[in-house]
Amino acid sequence: MPVPWKFIGALLRFVAPTVPEIIATVKALKKEQQREKTQVADTALRLQELEQRIAAQLQLIEQLTNQIVTLERALAWTTWTALFALVLALIALGIIFLR
């Protein structure tokens, strides 16, 4: 089987000038992948920081909710005590003025 040297020579003339372009493209792709990996790592770190902040905020919200519940109970107790005192005061005034 004869080797088609003319065809191989033409192919090499066509491919040989593009080899530096291919090498440059591969290097650029590698650099881009490294940048993407760095960005992914930075994004993961930011996400972890955000999760920690959200957890801290959630804990603060729970504490504030508990304080609000406690304040509501105290307000209800104070309201009932004030109403009872008002009723007693009105009874006392009624006894004093109606005698």
Protein backbone atom coordinates (compact mmCIF):
# COMPACT_ATOMS: atom_id res chain seq x y z
CA MET A 1 0.00 0.00 0.00
CA PRO A 2 1.60 3.25 -1.07
CA VAL A 3 1.82 6.06 1.49
CA PRO A 4 0.20 9.26 0.21
CA TRP A 5 3.08 11.60 1.09
CA LYS A 6 1.58 14.52 -0.78
CA PHE A 7 -1.64 14.22 1.21
CA ILE A 8 0.27 13.95 4.51
CA GLY A 9 2.45 16.94 3.53
CA ALA A 10 -0.63 19.03 2.68
CA LEU A 11 -2.27 18.02 5.94
CA LEU A 12 0.82 18.98 7.92
CA ARG A 13 0.99 22.34 6.12
CA PHE A 14 -2.64 22.92 7.11
CA VAL A 15 -2.36 21.70 10.71
CA ALA A 16 1.14 22.98 11.59
CA PRO A 17 0.19 26.71 11.66
CA THR A 18 -2.76 26.01 13.96
CA VAL A 19 -0.74 24.09 16.59
CA PRO A 20 0.35 27.28 18.47
CA GLU A 21 -3.26 28.46 18.43
CA ILE A 22 -4.39 25.13 19.85
CA ILE A 23 -1.72 25.29 22.56
CA ALA A 24 -2.70 28.88 23.44
CA THR A 25 -6.37 27.89 23.57
CA VAL A 26 -5.63 24.95 25.87
CA LYS A 27 -3.58 27.18 28.19
CA ALA A 28 -6.35 29.78 28.24
CA LEU A 29 -8.91 27.08 29.06
CA LYS A 30 -6.75 25.79 31.91
CA LYS A 31 -6.40 29.30 33.34
CA GLU A 32 -10.14 29.84 33.02
CA GLN A 33 -10.83 26.55 34.81
CA GLN A 34 -8.48 27.57 37.62
CA ARG A 35 -10.28 30.93 37.90
CA GLU A 36 -13.62 29.13 38.00
CA LYS A 37 -12.35 26.80 40.73
CA THR A 38 -11.17 29.83 42.72
CA GLN A 39 -14.53 31.51 42.20
CA VAL A 40 -16.36 28.37 43.28
CA ALA A 41 -14.22 28.17 46.42
CA ASP A 42 -14.87 31.86 47.15
CA THR A 43 -18.56 31.35 46.55
CA ALA A 44 -18.62 28.34 48.87
CA LEU A 45 -16.87 30.37 51.57
CA ARG A 46 -19.33 33.23 51.14
CA LEU A 47 -22.22 30.78 51.27
CA GLN A 48 -20.88 29.28 54.49
CA GLU A 49 -20.52 32.76 56.01
CA LEU A 50 -24.08 33.59 54.96
CA GLU A 51 -25.35 30.37 56.52
CA GLN A 52 -23.62 31.27 59.79
CA ARG A 53 -25.09 34.78 59.71
CA ILE A 54 -28.55 33.41 58.97
CA ALA A 55 -28.22 30.94 61.85
CA ALA A 56 -27.20 33.77 64.19
CA GLN A 57 -30.12 35.90 62.98
CA LEU A 58 -32.51 33.00 63.44
CA GLN A 59 -31.30 32.52 67.00
CA LEU A 60 -31.75 36.25 67.65
CA ILE A 61 -35.27 36.12 66.18
CA GLU A 62 -36.13 33.18 68.45
CA GLN A 63 -34.84 35.06 71.49
CA LEU A 64 -36.83 38.14 70.53
CA THR A 65 -39.93 36.03 70.00
CA ASN A 66 -39.54 34.54 73.48
CA GLN A 67 -39.11 38.01 74.95
CA ILE A 68 -42.24 39.22 73.15
CA VAL A 69 -44.23 36.27 74.51
CA THR A 70 -42.97 37.08 78.02
CA LEU A 71 -43.90 40.74 77.56
CA GLU A 72 -47.37 39.76 76.31
CA ARG A 73 -47.91 37.65 79.44
CA ALA A 74 -46.72 40.50 81.65
CA LEU A 75 -48.99 42.94 79.81
CA ALA A 76 -51.98 40.63 80.21
CA TRP A 77 -51.28 40.18 83.93
CA THR A 78 -50.82 43.94 84.38
CA THR A 79 -54.02 44.67 82.44
CA TRP A 80 -56.10 42.28 84.54
CA THR A 81 -54.54 43.63 87.74
CA ALA A 82 -55.27 47.21 86.65
CA LEU A 83 -58.86 46.32 85.75
CA PHE A 84 -59.34 44.59 89.12
CA ALA A 85 -57.89 47.65 90.90
CA LEU A 86 -60.18 49.93 88.88
CA VAL A 87 -63.24 47.85 89.80
CA LEU A 88 -62.22 47.91 93.47
CA ALA A 89 -61.66 51.68 93.28
CA LEU A 90 -65.06 52.22 91.68
CA ILE A 91 -66.69 50.06 94.36
CA ALA A 92 -64.89 52.03 97.06
CA LEU A 93 -65.96 55.35 95.50
CA GLY A 94 -69.51 54.08 95.19
CA ILE A 95 -69.54 53.08 98.87
CA ILE A 96 -68.07 56.41 99.96
CA PHE A 97 -70.38 58.64 97.92
CA LEU A 98 -73.55 56.62 98.31
CA ARG A 99 -73.44 56.52 102.14
